[in-house]
Amino acid sequence: MTPDKHFIIDVHPRHPQVSIAAGFSGHGFKFSSVVGEILFDLAMTKNASSDIALFSASRFRPQ
């Protein structure tokens, strides 16, 4: 689980062909269908059909 209790759904910063979905806890299974759709979009089009800014891994980088 992440410190802010939100998932990470993003692409790798140096390898944009790698999509990442992590930080799911016990409630993550409820979101598996939409996360699967988002990962598909990222893998196939490099863009998510939903706004995933909240789930960006960059939120943990020092400002």
C-alpha atoms as a PDB file:
ATOM      1  CA  MET A   1       0.000   0.000   0.000  1.00  0.00           C
ATOM      2  CA  THR A   2       1.227   3.487  -0.753  1.00  0.00           C
ATOM      3  CA  PRO A   3       1.684   6.125   1.971  1.00  0.00           C
ATOM      4  CA  ASP A   4      -1.382   8.053   0.777  1.00  0.00           C
ATOM      5  CA  LYS A   5      -3.406   4.843   0.327  1.00  0.00           C
ATOM      6  CA  HIS A   6      -4.006   5.504  -3.390  1.00  0.00           C
ATOM      7  CA  PHE A   7      -2.909   3.187  -6.173  1.00  0.00           C
ATOM      8  CA  ILE A   8      -0.064   3.841  -8.543  1.00  0.00           C
ATOM      9  CA  ILE A   9      -1.125   3.658 -12.172  1.00  0.00           C
ATOM     10  CA  ASP A  10       1.482   5.117 -14.468  1.00  0.00           C
ATOM     11  CA  VAL A  11       4.088   4.432 -17.100  1.00  0.00           C
ATOM     12  CA  HIS A  12       7.733   3.983 -16.222  1.00  0.00           C
ATOM     13  CA  PRO A  13       9.525   7.349 -16.512  1.00  0.00           C
ATOM     14  CA  ARG A  14      12.480   5.965 -18.494  1.00  0.00           C
ATOM     15  CA  HIS A  15      10.734   3.100 -20.250  1.00  0.00           C
ATOM     16  CA  PRO A  16       7.365   4.368 -21.502  1.00  0.00           C
ATOM     17  CA  GLN A  17       6.528   0.969 -22.968  1.00  0.00           C
ATOM     18  CA  VAL A  18       6.202  -0.343 -19.382  1.00  0.00           C
ATOM     19  CA  SER A  19       2.886   0.296 -17.638  1.00  0.00           C
ATOM     20  CA  ILE A  20       2.728   0.084 -13.842  1.00  0.00           C
ATOM     21  CA  ALA A  21      -0.188  -0.694 -11.538  1.00  0.00           C
ATOM     22  CA  ALA A  22       0.740  -1.194  -7.893  1.00  0.00           C
ATOM     23  CA  GLY A  23      -0.110  -0.343  -4.313  1.00  0.00           C
ATOM     24  CA  PHE A  24      -3.397  -2.208  -4.166  1.00  0.00           C
ATOM     25  CA  SER A  25      -4.545  -3.398  -0.790  1.00  0.00           C
ATOM     26  CA  GLY A  26      -7.454  -5.640   0.096  1.00  0.00           C
ATOM     27  CA  HIS A  27      -9.921  -3.371  -1.682  1.00  0.00           C
ATOM     28  CA  GLY A  28      -7.966  -3.297  -4.941  1.00  0.00           C
ATOM     29  CA  PHE A  29      -9.865  -6.224  -6.438  1.00  0.00           C
ATOM     30  CA  LYS A  30     -12.953  -4.015  -6.710  1.00  0.00           C
ATOM     31  CA  PHE A  31     -11.145  -1.823  -9.198  1.00  0.00           C
ATOM     32  CA  SER A  32      -9.539  -4.568 -11.276  1.00  0.00           C
ATOM     33  CA  SER A  33     -11.815  -4.151 -14.291  1.00  0.00           C
ATOM     34  CA  VAL A  34     -11.275  -0.400 -14.656  1.00  0.00           C
ATOM     35  CA  VAL A  35      -7.548  -0.688 -13.895  1.00  0.00           C
ATOM     36  CA  GLY A  36      -7.328  -3.370 -16.580  1.00  0.00           C
ATOM     37  CA  GLU A  37      -8.977  -1.027 -19.078  1.00  0.00           C
ATOM     38  CA  ILE A  38      -6.606   1.793 -18.144  1.00  0.00           C
ATOM     39  CA  LEU A  39      -3.554  -0.476 -18.487  1.00  0.00           C
ATOM     40  CA  PHE A  40      -4.817  -1.641 -21.863  1.00  0.00           C
ATOM     41  CA  ASP A  41      -5.188   1.976 -23.001  1.00  0.00           C
ATOM     42  CA  LEU A  42      -1.695   2.843 -21.759  1.00  0.00           C
ATOM     43  CA  ALA A  43      -0.174  -0.181 -23.473  1.00  0.00           C
ATOM     44  CA  MET A  44      -1.971   0.263 -26.774  1.00  0.00           C
ATOM     45  CA  THR A  45      -2.358   4.026 -27.186  1.00  0.00           C
ATOM     46  CA  LYS A  46       0.033   5.533 -24.590  1.00  0.00           C
ATOM     47  CA  ASN A  47      -2.933   7.528 -23.236  1.00  0.00           C
ATOM     48  CA  ALA A  48      -5.432   6.631 -20.555  1.00  0.00           C
ATOM     49  CA  SER A  49      -9.106   7.056 -21.342  1.00  0.00           C
ATOM     50  CA  SER A  50      -9.618   8.248 -17.750  1.00  0.00           C
ATOM     51  CA  ASP A  51      -7.839  10.961 -15.800  1.00  0.00           C
ATOM     52  CA  ILE A  52      -5.185   9.092 -13.816  1.00  0.00           C
ATOM     53  CA  ALA A  53      -3.214  12.097 -12.525  1.00  0.00           C
ATOM     54  CA  LEU A  54      -4.160  11.220  -8.935  1.00  0.00           C
ATOM     55  CA  PHE A  55      -2.428   7.854  -9.354  1.00  0.00           C
ATOM     56  CA  SER A  56       0.845   9.096 -10.834  1.00  0.00           C
ATOM     57  CA  ALA A  57       4.021   7.684  -9.304  1.00  0.00           C
ATOM     58  CA  SER A  58       5.561  11.141  -9.532  1.00  0.00           C
ATOM     59  CA  ARG A  59       3.550  12.252  -6.506  1.00  0.00           C
ATOM     60  CA  PHE A  60       6.184  10.533  -4.346  1.00  0.00           C
ATOM     61  CA  ARG A  61       9.170  12.289  -5.907  1.00  0.00           C
ATOM     62  CA  PRO A  62      10.735  15.110  -3.908  1.00  0.00           C
ATOM     63  CA  GLN A  63       9.460  18.488  -5.034  1.00  0.00           C
END
